[in-house]
Amino acid sequence: GLTEPEAGSDAGNARTRATENGGTWTINGAKQFITNAGTDITGHVAIT
């Protein structure tokens, strides 16, 4: 998961944010145009 509504060709402009709290990260945001993320056999997505 790389591409976002505001971060396509400008991939460094990611808005999805992860904040740390005592060994846990809380992630908020959105990705788009992601391949293989929603099948019955999908195991994970690696995101920026």
PDB file of all heavy atoms in Angstrom:
ATOM      1  N   GLY A   1       0.824  -1.206   0.000  1.00  0.00           N
ATOM      2  CA  GLY A   1       0.000   0.000   0.000  1.00  0.00           C
ATOM      3  C   GLY A   1       0.855   1.250   0.000  1.00  0.00           C
ATOM      4  O   GLY A   1       1.337   1.692   1.045  1.00  0.00           O
ATOM      5  N   LEU A   2       1.018   1.839  -1.173  1.00  0.00           N
ATOM      6  CA  LEU A   2       1.805   3.068  -1.327  1.00  0.00           C
ATOM      7  C   LEU A   2       0.928   4.228  -1.775  1.00  0.00           C
ATOM      8  O   LEU A   2       0.909   5.288  -1.146  1.00  0.00           O
ATOM      9  CB  LEU A   2       2.932   2.836  -2.335  1.00  0.00           C
ATOM     10  CG  LEU A   2       3.733   4.063  -2.785  1.00  0.00           C
ATOM     11  CD1 LEU A   2       4.460   4.688  -1.598  1.00  0.00           C
ATOM     12  CD2 LEU A   2       4.724   3.684  -3.883  1.00  0.00           C
ATOM     13  N   THR A   3       0.197   4.043  -2.874  1.00  0.00           N
ATOM     14  CA  THR A   3      -0.544   5.143  -3.496  1.00  0.00           C
ATOM     15  C   THR A   3      -1.694   5.609  -2.613  1.00  0.00           C
ATOM     16  O   THR A   3      -2.418   4.810  -2.014  1.00  0.00           O
ATOM     17  CB  THR A   3      -1.088   4.707  -4.862  1.00  0.00           C
ATOM     18  OG1 THR A   3      -0.008   4.232  -5.660  1.00  0.00           O
ATOM     19  CG2 THR A   3      -1.776   5.867  -5.566  1.00  0.00           C
ATOM     20  N   GLU A   4      -1.870   6.929  -2.556  1.00  0.00           N
ATOM     21  CA  GLU A   4      -2.960   7.564  -1.807  1.00  0.00           C
ATOM     22  C   GLU A   4      -3.625   8.613  -2.696  1.00  0.00           C
ATOM     23  O   GLU A   4      -3.092   8.963  -3.762  1.00  0.00           O
ATOM     24  CB  GLU A   4      -2.411   8.230  -0.536  1.00  0.00           C
ATOM     25  CG  GLU A   4      -1.731   7.280   0.431  1.00  0.00           C
ATOM     26  CD  GLU A   4      -1.260   7.997   1.699  1.00  0.00           C
ATOM     27  OE1 GLU A   4      -1.571   9.200   1.852  1.00  0.00           O
ATOM     28  OE2 GLU A   4      -0.591   7.347   2.522  1.00  0.00           O
ATOM     29  N   PRO A   5      -4.771   9.123  -2.276  1.00  0.00           N
ATOM     30  CA  PRO A   5      -5.425  10.176  -3.065  1.00  0.00           C
ATOM     31  C   PRO A   5      -4.527  11.370  -3.360  1.00  0.00           C
ATOM     32  O   PRO A   5      -4.629  11.989  -4.420  1.00  0.00           O
ATOM     33  CB  PRO A   5      -6.615  10.581  -2.185  1.00  0.00           C
ATOM     34  CG  PRO A   5      -6.953   9.334  -1.420  1.00  0.00           C
ATOM     35  CD  PRO A   5      -5.626   8.682  -1.152  1.00  0.00           C
ATOM     36  N   GLU A   6      -3.616  11.716  -2.438  1.00  0.00           N
ATOM     37  CA  GLU A   6      -2.726  12.853  -2.642  1.00  0.00           C
ATOM     38  C   GLU A   6      -1.274  12.430  -2.830  1.00  0.00           C
ATOM     39  O   GLU A   6      -0.368  13.252  -2.795  1.00  0.00           O
ATOM     40  CB  GLU A   6      -2.821  13.811  -1.433  1.00  0.00           C
ATOM     41  CG  GLU A   6      -4.200  14.373  -1.184  1.00  0.00           C
ATOM     42  CD  GLU A   6      -4.690  15.247  -2.340  1.00  0.00           C
ATOM     43  OE1 GLU A   6      -3.857  15.919  -2.976  1.00  0.00           O
ATOM     44  OE2 GLU A   6      -5.904  15.243  -2.596  1.00  0.00           O
ATOM     45  N   ALA A   7      -1.042  11.145  -3.014  1.00  0.00           N
ATOM     46  CA  ALA A   7       0.331  10.648  -3.133  1.00  0.00           C
ATOM     47  C   ALA A   7       0.362   9.520  -4.150  1.00  0.00           C
ATOM     48  O   ALA A   7       0.314   8.348  -3.804  1.00  0.00           O
ATOM     49  CB  ALA A   7       0.843  10.158  -1.776  1.00  0.00           C
ATOM     50  N   GLY A   8       0.424   9.917  -5.432  1.00  0.00           N
ATOM     51  CA  GLY A   8       0.561   8.943  -6.509  1.00  0.00           C
ATOM     52  C   GLY A   8       1.972   9.015  -7.042  1.00  0.00           C
ATOM     53  O   GLY A   8       2.898   8.413  -6.509  1.00  0.00           O
ATOM     54  N   SER A   9       2.158   9.819  -8.089  1.00  0.00           N
ATOM     55  CA  SER A   9       3.517  10.039  -8.577  1.00  0.00           C
ATOM     56  C   SER A   9       4.368  10.721  -7.507  1.00  0.00           C
ATOM     57  O   SER A   9       5.563  10.465  -7.392  1.00  0.00           O
ATOM     58  CB  SER A   9       3.485  10.890  -9.847  1.00  0.00           C
ATOM     59  OG  SER A   9       2.846  10.197 -10.904  1.00  0.00           O
ATOM     60  N   ASP A  10       3.755  11.576  -6.711  1.00  0.00           N
ATOM     61  CA  ASP A  10       4.436  12.224  -5.583  1.00  0.00           C
ATOM     62  C   ASP A  10       4.289  11.336  -4.358  1.00  0.00           C
ATOM     63  O   ASP A  10       3.628  11.684  -3.379  1.00  0.00           O
ATOM     64  CB  ASP A  10       3.829  13.608  -5.345  1.00  0.00           C
ATOM     65  CG  ASP A  10       4.532  14.365  -4.231  1.00  0.00           C
ATOM     66  OD1 ASP A  10       5.647  13.951  -3.834  1.00  0.00           O
ATOM     67  OD2 ASP A  10       3.967  15.370  -3.754  1.00  0.00           O
ATOM     68  N   ALA A  11       4.907  10.152  -4.430  1.00  0.00           N
ATOM     69  CA  ALA A  11       4.679   9.132  -3.408  1.00  0.00           C
ATOM     70  C   ALA A  11       5.189   9.552  -2.030  1.00  0.00           C
ATOM     71  O   ALA A  11       4.729   9.041  -1.013  1.00  0.00           O
ATOM     72  CB  ALA A  11       5.343   7.829  -3.830  1.00  0.00           C
ATOM     73  N   GLY A  12       6.120  10.469  -1.989  1.00  0.00           N
ATOM     74  CA  GLY A  12       6.629  10.926  -0.701  1.00  0.00           C
ATOM     75  C   GLY A  12       5.662  11.802   0.062  1.00  0.00           C
ATOM     76  O   GLY A  12       5.912  12.150   1.221  1.00  0.00           O
ATOM     77  N   ASN A  13       4.550  12.155  -0.576  1.00  0.00           N
ATOM     78  CA  ASN A  13       3.565  13.032   0.064  1.00  0.00           C
ATOM     79  C   ASN A  13       2.497  12.224   0.796  1.00  0.00           C
ATOM     80  O   ASN A  13       1.336  12.635   0.864  1.00  0.00           O
ATOM     81  CB  ASN A  13       2.908  13.927  -0.998  1.00  0.00           C
ATOM     82  CG  ASN A  13       2.086  15.039  -0.392  1.00  0.00           C
ATOM     83  OD1 ASN A  13       2.459  15.606   0.646  1.00  0.00           O
ATOM     84  ND2 ASN A  13       0.973  15.378  -1.029  1.00  0.00           N
ATOM     85  N   ALA A  14       2.875  11.091   1.335  1.00  0.00           N
ATOM     86  CA  ALA A  14       1.920  10.223   2.033  1.00  0.00           C
ATOM     87  C   ALA A  14       1.278  10.951   3.204  1.00  0.00           C
ATOM     88  O   ALA A  14       1.948  11.659   3.960  1.00  0.00           O
ATOM     89  CB  ALA A  14       2.627   8.960   2.513  1.00  0.00           C
ATOM     90  N   ARG A  15      -0.049  10.782   3.335  1.00  0.00           N
ATOM     91  CA  ARG A  15      -0.788  11.396   4.445  1.00  0.00           C
ATOM     92  C   ARG A  15      -1.159  10.376   5.526  1.00  0.00           C
ATOM     93  O   ARG A  15      -1.528  10.766   6.634  1.00  0.00           O
ATOM     94  CB  ARG A  15      -2.057  12.057   3.906  1.00  0.00           C
ATOM     95  CG  ARG A  15      -1.802  13.128   2.839  1.00  0.00           C
ATOM     96  CD  ARG A  15      -1.079  14.333   3.398  1.00  0.00           C
ATOM     97  NE  ARG A  15      -0.816  15.343   2.383  1.00  0.00           N
ATOM     98  CZ  ARG A  15      -1.682  16.290   2.014  1.00  0.00           C
ATOM     99  NH1 ARG A  15      -2.878  16.344   2.574  1.00  0.00           N
ATOM    100  NH2 ARG A  15      -1.362  17.165   1.084  1.00  0.00           N
ATOM    101  N   THR A  16      -1.131   9.097   5.179  1.00  0.00           N
ATOM    102  CA  THR A  16      -1.396   8.079   6.194  1.00  0.00           C
ATOM    103  C   THR A  16      -0.377   8.246   7.322  1.00  0.00           C
ATOM    104  O   THR A  16       0.818   8.381   7.074  1.00  0.00           O
ATOM    105  CB  THR A  16      -1.295   6.673   5.586  1.00  0.00           C
ATOM    106  OG1 THR A  16      -2.313   6.523   4.599  1.00  0.00           O
ATOM    107  CG2 THR A  16      -1.465   5.596   6.644  1.00  0.00           C
ATOM    108  N   ARG A  17      -0.860   8.242   8.538  1.00  0.00           N
ATOM    109  CA  ARG A  17       0.010   8.548   9.676  1.00  0.00           C
ATOM    110  C   ARG A  17      -0.043   7.428  10.705  1.00  0.00           C
ATOM    111  O   ARG A  17      -1.093   6.835  10.955  1.00  0.00           O
ATOM    112  CB  ARG A  17      -0.417   9.869  10.318  1.00  0.00           C
ATOM    113  CG  ARG A  17       0.455  10.305  11.494  1.00  0.00           C
ATOM    114  CD  ARG A  17       0.161  11.729  11.903  1.00  0.00           C
ATOM    115  NE  ARG A  17       0.609  12.680  10.886  1.00  0.00           N
ATOM    116  CZ  ARG A  17       1.852  13.156  10.815  1.00  0.00           C
ATOM    117  NH1 ARG A  17       2.772  12.767  11.695  1.00  0.00           N
ATOM    118  NH2 ARG A  17       2.169  14.024   9.886  1.00  0.00           N
ATOM    119  N   ALA A  18       1.119   7.139  11.284  1.00  0.00           N
ATOM    120  CA  ALA A  18       1.219   6.173  12.377  1.00  0.00           C
ATOM    121  C   ALA A  18       1.815   6.876  13.586  1.00  0.00           C
ATOM    122  O   ALA A  18       2.867   7.512  13.495  1.00  0.00           O
ATOM    123  CB  ALA A  18       2.094   4.994  11.969  1.00  0.00           C
ATOM    124  N   THR A  19       1.128   6.783  14.718  1.00  0.00           N
ATOM    125  CA  THR A  19       1.600   7.418  15.953  1.00  0.00           C
ATOM    126  C   THR A  19       1.900   6.338  16.995  1.00  0.00           C
ATOM    127  O   THR A  19       1.162   5.366  17.136  1.00  0.00           O
ATOM    128  CB  THR A  19       0.556   8.396  16.515  1.00  0.00           C
ATOM    129  OG1 THR A  19      -0.692   7.712  16.701  1.00  0.00           O
ATOM    130  CG2 THR A  19       0.331   9.543  15.540  1.00  0.00           C
ATOM    131  N   GLU A  20       2.979   6.538  17.719  1.00  0.00           N
ATOM    132  CA  GLU A  20       3.451   5.528  18.671  1.00  0.00           C
ATOM    133  C   GLU A  20       2.919   5.803  20.067  1.00  0.00           C
ATOM    134  O   GLU A  20       2.821   6.947  20.522  1.00  0.00           O
ATOM    135  CB  GLU A  20       4.984   5.532  18.697  1.00  0.00           C
ATOM    136  CG  GLU A  20       5.582   4.417  19.534  1.00  0.00           C
ATOM    137  CD  GLU A  20       7.095   4.456  19.522  1.00  0.00           C
ATOM    138  OE1 GLU A  20       7.672   5.501  19.144  1.00  0.00           O
ATOM    139  OE2 GLU A  20       7.713   3.432  19.902  1.00  0.00           O
ATOM    140  N   ASN A  21       2.568   4.702  20.752  1.00  0.00           N
ATOM    141  CA  ASN A  21       2.088   4.833  22.122  1.00  0.00           C
ATOM    142  C   ASN A  21       2.454   3.564  22.885  1.00  0.00           C
ATOM    143  O   ASN A  21       1.722   2.570  22.848  1.00  0.00           O
ATOM    144  CB  ASN A  21       0.569   5.058  22.162  1.00  0.00           C
ATOM    145  CG  ASN A  21       0.055   5.267  23.579  1.00  0.00           C
ATOM    146  OD1 ASN A  21       0.832   5.541  24.491  1.00  0.00           O
ATOM    147  ND2 ASN A  21      -1.245   5.107  23.757  1.00  0.00           N
ATOM    148  N   GLY A  22       3.613   3.593  23.528  1.00  0.00           N
ATOM    149  CA  GLY A  22       4.013   2.474  24.372  1.00  0.00           C
ATOM    150  C   GLY A  22       4.155   1.148  23.657  1.00  0.00           C
ATOM    151  O   GLY A  22       3.589   0.145  24.105  1.00  0.00           O
ATOM    152  N   GLY A  23       4.876   1.127  22.558  1.00  0.00           N
ATOM    153  CA  GLY A  23       5.117  -0.123  21.849  1.00  0.00           C
ATOM    154  C   GLY A  23       4.048  -0.509  20.855  1.00  0.00           C
ATOM    155  O   GLY A  23       4.129  -1.563  20.226  1.00  0.00           O
ATOM    156  N   THR A  24       3.045   0.354  20.713  1.00  0.00           N
ATOM    157  CA  THR A  24       1.960   0.118  19.752  1.00  0.00           C
ATOM    158  C   THR A  24       1.850   1.312  18.824  1.00  0.00           C
ATOM    159  O   THR A  24       2.012   2.460  19.248  1.00  0.00           O
ATOM    160  CB  THR A  24       0.622  -0.109  20.479  1.00  0.00           C
ATOM    161  OG1 THR A  24       0.719  -1.265  21.305  1.00  0.00           O
ATOM    162  CG2 THR A  24      -0.512  -0.326  19.474  1.00  0.00           C
ATOM    163  N   TRP A  25       1.579   1.039  17.559  1.00  0.00           N
ATOM    164  CA  TRP A  25       1.409   2.090  16.567  1.00  0.00           C
ATOM    165  C   TRP A  25      -0.060   2.156  16.148  1.00  0.00           C
ATOM    166  O   TRP A  25      -0.671   1.125  15.846  1.00  0.00           O
ATOM    167  CB  TRP A  25       2.280   1.842  15.342  1.00  0.00           C
ATOM    168  CG  TRP A  25       3.746   1.972  15.631  1.00  0.00           C
ATOM    169  CD1 TRP A  25       4.583   0.995  16.094  1.00  0.00           C
ATOM    170  CD2 TRP A  25       4.531   3.152  15.487  1.00  0.00           C
ATOM    171  NE1 TRP A  25       5.854   1.489  16.246  1.00  0.00           N
ATOM    172  CE2 TRP A  25       5.861   2.809  15.870  1.00  0.00           C
ATOM    173  CE3 TRP A  25       4.268   4.452  15.064  1.00  0.00           C
ATOM    174  CZ2 TRP A  25       6.901   3.727  15.851  1.00  0.00           C
ATOM    175  CZ3 TRP A  25       5.314   5.365  15.036  1.00  0.00           C
ATOM    176  CH2 TRP A  25       6.604   5.003  15.428  1.00  0.00           C
ATOM    177  N   THR A  26      -0.603   3.362  16.133  1.00  0.00           N
ATOM    178  CA  THR A  26      -1.982   3.574  15.698  1.00  0.00           C
ATOM    179  C   THR A  26      -1.958   4.235  14.328  1.00  0.00           C
ATOM    180  O   THR A  26      -1.395   5.314  14.155  1.00  0.00           O
ATOM    181  CB  THR A  26      -2.751   4.455  16.691  1.00  0.00           C
ATOM    182  OG1 THR A  26      -2.739   3.825  17.984  1.00  0.00           O
ATOM    183  CG2 THR A  26      -4.198   4.623  16.239  1.00  0.00           C
ATOM    184  N   ILE A  27      -2.571   3.576  13.361  1.00  0.00           N
ATOM    185  CA  ILE A  27      -2.511   4.016  11.963  1.00  0.00           C
ATOM    186  C   ILE A  27      -3.857   4.556  11.521  1.00  0.00           C
ATOM    187  O   ILE A  27      -4.903   3.937  11.744  1.00  0.00           O
ATOM    188  CB  ILE A  27      -2.109   2.835  11.044  1.00  0.00           C
ATOM    189  CG1 ILE A  27      -0.761   2.262  11.492  1.00  0.00           C
ATOM    190  CG2 ILE A  27      -2.054   3.276   9.591  1.00  0.00           C
ATOM    191  CD1 ILE A  27      -0.389   0.972  10.780  1.00  0.00           C
ATOM    192  N   ASN A  28      -3.823   5.736  10.887  1.00  0.00           N
ATOM    193  CA  ASN A  28      -5.012   6.333  10.295  1.00  0.00           C
ATOM    194  C   ASN A  28      -4.672   6.852   8.906  1.00  0.00           C
ATOM    195  O   ASN A  28      -3.630   7.486   8.703  1.00  0.00           O
ATOM    196  CB  ASN A  28      -5.531   7.495  11.162  1.00  0.00           C
ATOM    197  CG  ASN A  28      -6.224   7.017  12.424  1.00  0.00           C
ATOM    198  OD1 ASN A  28      -7.387   6.622  12.398  1.00  0.00           O
ATOM    199  ND2 ASN A  28      -5.501   7.049  13.532  1.00  0.00           N
ATOM    200  N   GLY A  29      -5.549   6.556   7.954  1.00  0.00           N
ATOM    201  CA  GLY A  29      -5.304   7.031   6.599  1.00  0.00           C
ATOM    202  C   GLY A  29      -6.011   6.175   5.568  1.00  0.00           C
ATOM    203  O   GLY A  29      -6.906   5.384   5.890  1.00  0.00           O
ATOM    204  N   ALA A  30      -5.612   6.340   4.320  1.00  0.00           N
ATOM    205  CA  ALA A  30      -6.246   5.617   3.209  1.00  0.00           C
ATOM    206  C   ALA A  30      -5.235   5.369   2.110  1.00  0.00           C
ATOM    207  O   ALA A  30      -4.304   6.152   1.899  1.00  0.00           O
ATOM    208  CB  ALA A  30      -7.433   6.418   2.670  1.00  0.00           C
ATOM    209  N   LYS A  31      -5.424   4.264   1.411  1.00  0.00           N
ATOM    210  CA  LYS A  31      -4.627   3.923   0.239  1.00  0.00           C
ATOM    211  C   LYS A  31      -5.584   3.644  -0.917  1.00  0.00           C
ATOM    212  O   LYS A  31      -6.748   3.305  -0.705  1.00  0.00           O
ATOM    213  CB  LYS A  31      -3.759   2.681   0.505  1.00  0.00           C
ATOM    214  CG  LYS A  31      -2.794   2.824   1.680  1.00  0.00           C
ATOM    215  CD  LYS A  31      -1.685   3.816   1.385  1.00  0.00           C
ATOM    216  CE  LYS A  31      -0.709   3.915   2.559  1.00  0.00           C
ATOM    217  NZ  LYS A  31       0.416   4.847   2.278  1.00  0.00           N
ATOM    218  N   GLN A  32      -5.091   3.757  -2.136  1.00  0.00           N
ATOM    219  CA  GLN A  32      -5.948   3.483  -3.285  1.00  0.00           C
ATOM    220  C   GLN A  32      -5.165   2.763  -4.385  1.00  0.00           C
ATOM    221  O   GLN A  32      -3.936   2.787  -4.400  1.00  0.00           O
ATOM    222  CB  GLN A  32      -6.566   4.758  -3.839  1.00  0.00           C
ATOM    223  CG  GLN A  32      -5.578   5.762  -4.418  1.00  0.00           C
ATOM    224  CD  GLN A  32      -6.274   7.027  -4.913  1.00  0.00           C
ATOM    225  OE1 GLN A  32      -7.422   7.285  -4.586  1.00  0.00           O
ATOM    226  NE2 GLN A  32      -5.570   7.806  -5.719  1.00  0.00           N
ATOM    227  N   PHE A  33      -5.927   2.105  -5.270  1.00  0.00           N
ATOM    228  CA  PHE A  33      -5.359   1.350  -6.397  1.00  0.00           C
ATOM    229  C   PHE A  33      -4.444   0.216  -5.922  1.00  0.00           C
ATOM    230  O   PHE A  33      -3.410  -0.049  -6.528  1.00  0.00           O
ATOM    231  CB  PHE A  33      -4.582   2.264  -7.352  1.00  0.00           C
ATOM    232  CG  PHE A  33      -5.333   3.481  -7.809  1.00  0.00           C
ATOM    233  CD1 PHE A  33      -4.675   4.689  -7.978  1.00  0.00           C
ATOM    234  CD2 PHE A  33      -6.691   3.422  -8.077  1.00  0.00           C
ATOM    235  CE1 PHE A  33      -5.365   5.823  -8.403  1.00  0.00           C
ATOM    236  CE2 PHE A  33      -7.384   4.555  -8.506  1.00  0.00           C
ATOM    237  CZ  PHE A  33      -6.717   5.743  -8.669  1.00  0.00           C
ATOM    238  N   ILE A  34      -4.824  -0.468  -4.854  1.00  0.00           N
ATOM    239  CA  ILE A  34      -3.978  -1.501  -4.280  1.00  0.00           C
ATOM    240  C   ILE A  34      -4.378  -2.875  -4.825  1.00  0.00           C
ATOM    241  O   ILE A  34      -5.541  -3.267  -4.762  1.00  0.00           O
ATOM    242  CB  ILE A  34      -4.051  -1.496  -2.743  1.00  0.00           C
ATOM    243  CG1 ILE A  34      -3.811  -0.080  -2.206  1.00  0.00           C
ATOM    244  CG2 ILE A  34      -3.038  -2.484  -2.168  1.00  0.00           C
ATOM    245  CD1 ILE A  34      -2.523   0.568  -2.666  1.00  0.00           C
ATOM    246  N   THR A  35      -3.405  -3.607  -5.346  1.00  0.00           N
ATOM    247  CA  THR A  35      -3.624  -4.906  -5.972  1.00  0.00           C
ATOM    248  C   THR A  35      -3.434  -6.035  -4.972  1.00  0.00           C
ATOM    249  O   THR A  35      -2.499  -6.019  -4.173  1.00  0.00           O
ATOM    250  CB  THR A  35      -2.645  -5.095  -7.152  1.00  0.00           C
ATOM    251  OG1 THR A  35      -2.791  -4.013  -8.068  1.00  0.00           O
ATOM    252  CG2 THR A  35      -2.910  -6.404  -7.879  1.00  0.00           C
ATOM    253  N   ASN A  36      -4.344  -7.015  -5.023  1.00  0.00           N
ATOM    254  CA  ASN A  36      -4.290  -8.248  -4.224  1.00  0.00           C
ATOM    255  C   ASN A  36      -4.605  -8.051  -2.752  1.00  0.00           C
ATOM    256  O   ASN A  36      -4.377  -8.978  -1.956  1.00  0.00           O
ATOM    257  CB  ASN A  36      -2.907  -8.927  -4.340  1.00  0.00           C
ATOM    258  CG  ASN A  36      -2.654  -9.531  -5.698  1.00  0.00           C
ATOM    259  OD1 ASN A  36      -3.579  -9.772  -6.464  1.00  0.00           O
ATOM    260  ND2 ASN A  36      -1.391  -9.786  -6.009  1.00  0.00           N
ATOM    261  N   ALA A  37      -5.149  -6.915  -2.362  1.00  0.00           N
ATOM    262  CA  ALA A  37      -5.372  -6.664  -0.930  1.00  0.00           C
ATOM    263  C   ALA A  37      -6.674  -7.260  -0.409  1.00  0.00           C
ATOM    264  O   ALA A  37      -6.814  -7.468   0.800  1.00  0.00           O
ATOM    265  CB  ALA A  37      -5.362  -5.159  -0.645  1.00  0.00           C
ATOM    266  N   GLY A  38      -7.626  -7.548  -1.298  1.00  0.00           N
ATOM    267  CA  GLY A  38      -8.948  -7.941  -0.815  1.00  0.00           C
ATOM    268  C   GLY A  38      -9.415  -9.313  -1.229  1.00  0.00           C
ATOM    269  O   GLY A  38     -10.617  -9.594  -1.214  1.00  0.00           O
ATOM    270  N   THR A  39      -8.508 -10.219  -1.566  1.00  0.00           N
ATOM    271  CA  THR A  39      -8.911 -11.563  -1.961  1.00  0.00           C
ATOM    272  C   THR A  39      -9.141 -12.439  -0.726  1.00  0.00           C
ATOM    273  O   THR A  39      -8.757 -12.083   0.394  1.00  0.00           O
ATOM    274  CB  THR A  39      -7.854 -12.233  -2.856  1.00  0.00           C
ATOM    275  OG1 THR A  39      -6.751 -12.661  -2.047  1.00  0.00           O
ATOM    276  CG2 THR A  39      -7.349 -11.271  -3.925  1.00  0.00           C
ATOM    277  N   ASP A  40      -9.712 -13.597  -0.951  1.00  0.00           N
ATOM    278  CA  ASP A  40      -9.962 -14.532   0.150  1.00  0.00           C
ATOM    279  C   ASP A  40      -8.671 -15.124   0.708  1.00  0.00           C
ATOM    280  O   ASP A  40      -8.689 -15.696   1.809  1.00  0.00           O
ATOM    281  CB  ASP A  40     -10.866 -15.674  -0.328  1.00  0.00           C
ATOM    282  CG  ASP A  40     -12.267 -15.202  -0.689  1.00  0.00           C
ATOM    283  OD1 ASP A  40     -12.645 -14.081  -0.285  1.00  0.00           O
ATOM    284  OD2 ASP A  40     -12.976 -15.956  -1.381  1.00  0.00           O
ATOM    285  N   ILE A  41      -7.584 -15.018  -0.053  1.00  0.00           N
ATOM    286  CA  ILE A  41      -6.322 -15.608   0.405  1.00  0.00           C
ATOM    287  C   ILE A  41      -5.272 -14.547   0.727  1.00  0.00           C
ATOM    288  O   ILE A  41      -4.114 -14.872   0.963  1.00  0.00           O
ATOM    289  CB  ILE A  41      -5.762 -16.610  -0.628  1.00  0.00           C
ATOM    290  CG1 ILE A  41      -5.573 -15.947  -1.994  1.00  0.00           C
ATOM    291  CG2 ILE A  41      -6.664 -17.826  -0.742  1.00  0.00           C
ATOM    292  CD1 ILE A  41      -4.880 -16.855  -3.013  1.00  0.00           C
ATOM    293  N   THR A  42      -5.667 -13.273   0.739  1.00  0.00           N
ATOM    294  CA  THR A  42      -4.720 -12.210   1.093  1.00  0.00           C
ATOM    295  C   THR A  42      -4.352 -12.320   2.565  1.00  0.00           C
ATOM    296  O   THR A  42      -5.224 -12.471   3.425  1.00  0.00           O
ATOM    297  CB  THR A  42      -5.324 -10.818   0.817  1.00  0.00           C
ATOM    298  OG1 THR A  42      -5.649 -10.718  -0.570  1.00  0.00           O
ATOM    299  CG2 THR A  42      -4.336  -9.727   1.183  1.00  0.00           C
ATOM    300  N   GLY A  43      -3.048 -12.238   2.858  1.00  0.00           N
ATOM    301  CA  GLY A  43      -2.601 -12.352   4.237  1.00  0.00           C
ATOM    302  C   GLY A  43      -2.280 -11.026   4.896  1.00  0.00           C
ATOM    303  O   GLY A  43      -2.529 -10.832   6.085  1.00  0.00           O
ATOM    304  N   HIS A  44      -1.727 -10.096   4.124  1.00  0.00           N
ATOM    305  CA  HIS A  44      -1.313  -8.825   4.720  1.00  0.00           C
ATOM    306  C   HIS A  44      -1.164  -7.765   3.641  1.00  0.00           C
ATOM    307  O   HIS A  44      -1.120  -8.076   2.446  1.00  0.00           O
ATOM    308  CB  HIS A  44       0.030  -8.983   5.436  1.00  0.00           C
ATOM    309  CG  HIS A  44       1.203  -9.008   4.487  1.00  0.00           C
ATOM    310  ND1 HIS A  44       1.607 -10.154   3.820  1.00  0.00           N
ATOM    311  CD2 HIS A  44       2.041  -8.019   4.045  1.00  0.00           C
ATOM    312  CE1 HIS A  44       2.626  -9.870   3.041  1.00  0.00           C
ATOM    313  NE2 HIS A  44       2.924  -8.579   3.156  1.00  0.00           N
ATOM    314  N   VAL A  45      -1.052  -6.526   4.085  1.00  0.00           N
ATOM    315  CA  VAL A  45      -0.605  -5.437   3.234  1.00  0.00           C
ATOM    316  C   VAL A  45       0.535  -4.736   3.967  1.00  0.00           C
ATOM    317  O   VAL A  45       0.488  -4.547   5.188  1.00  0.00           O
ATOM    318  CB  VAL A  45      -1.750  -4.440   2.923  1.00  0.00           C
ATOM    319  CG1 VAL A  45      -2.287  -3.787   4.191  1.00  0.00           C
ATOM    320  CG2 VAL A  45      -1.275  -3.364   1.950  1.00  0.00           C
ATOM    321  N   ALA A  46       1.600  -4.424   3.247  1.00  0.00           N
ATOM    322  CA  ALA A  46       2.688  -3.613   3.793  1.00  0.00           C
ATOM    323  C   ALA A  46       2.447  -2.188   3.322  1.00  0.00           C
ATOM    324  O   ALA A  46       2.300  -1.942   2.123  1.00  0.00           O
ATOM    325  CB  ALA A  46       4.040  -4.120   3.309  1.00  0.00           C
ATOM    326  N   ILE A  47       2.373  -1.248   4.247  1.00  0.00           N
ATOM    327  CA  ILE A  47       2.006   0.118   3.891  1.00  0.00           C
ATOM    328  C   ILE A  47       3.080   1.118   4.329  1.00  0.00           C
ATOM    329  O   ILE A  47       3.851   0.872   5.254  1.00  0.00           O
ATOM    330  CB  ILE A  47       0.659   0.528   4.518  1.00  0.00           C
ATOM    331  CG1 ILE A  47       0.774   0.614   6.045  1.00  0.00           C
ATOM    332  CG2 ILE A  47      -0.447  -0.425   4.102  1.00  0.00           C
ATOM    333  CD1 ILE A  47      -0.386   1.344   6.703  1.00  0.00           C
ATOM    334  N   THR A  48       3.089   2.248   3.616  1.00  0.00           N
ATOM    335  CA  THR A  48       3.910   3.380   4.027  1.00  0.00           C
ATOM    336  C   THR A  48       3.065   4.294   4.912  1.00  0.00           C
ATOM    337  O   THR A  48       1.891   4.526   4.634  1.00  0.00           O
ATOM    338  CB  THR A  48       4.401   4.178   2.810  1.00  0.00           C
ATOM    339  OG1 THR A  48       3.270   4.600   2.036  1.00  0.00           O
ATOM    340  CG2 THR A  48       5.302   3.329   1.941  1.00  0.00           C
TER     341      THR A  48
END
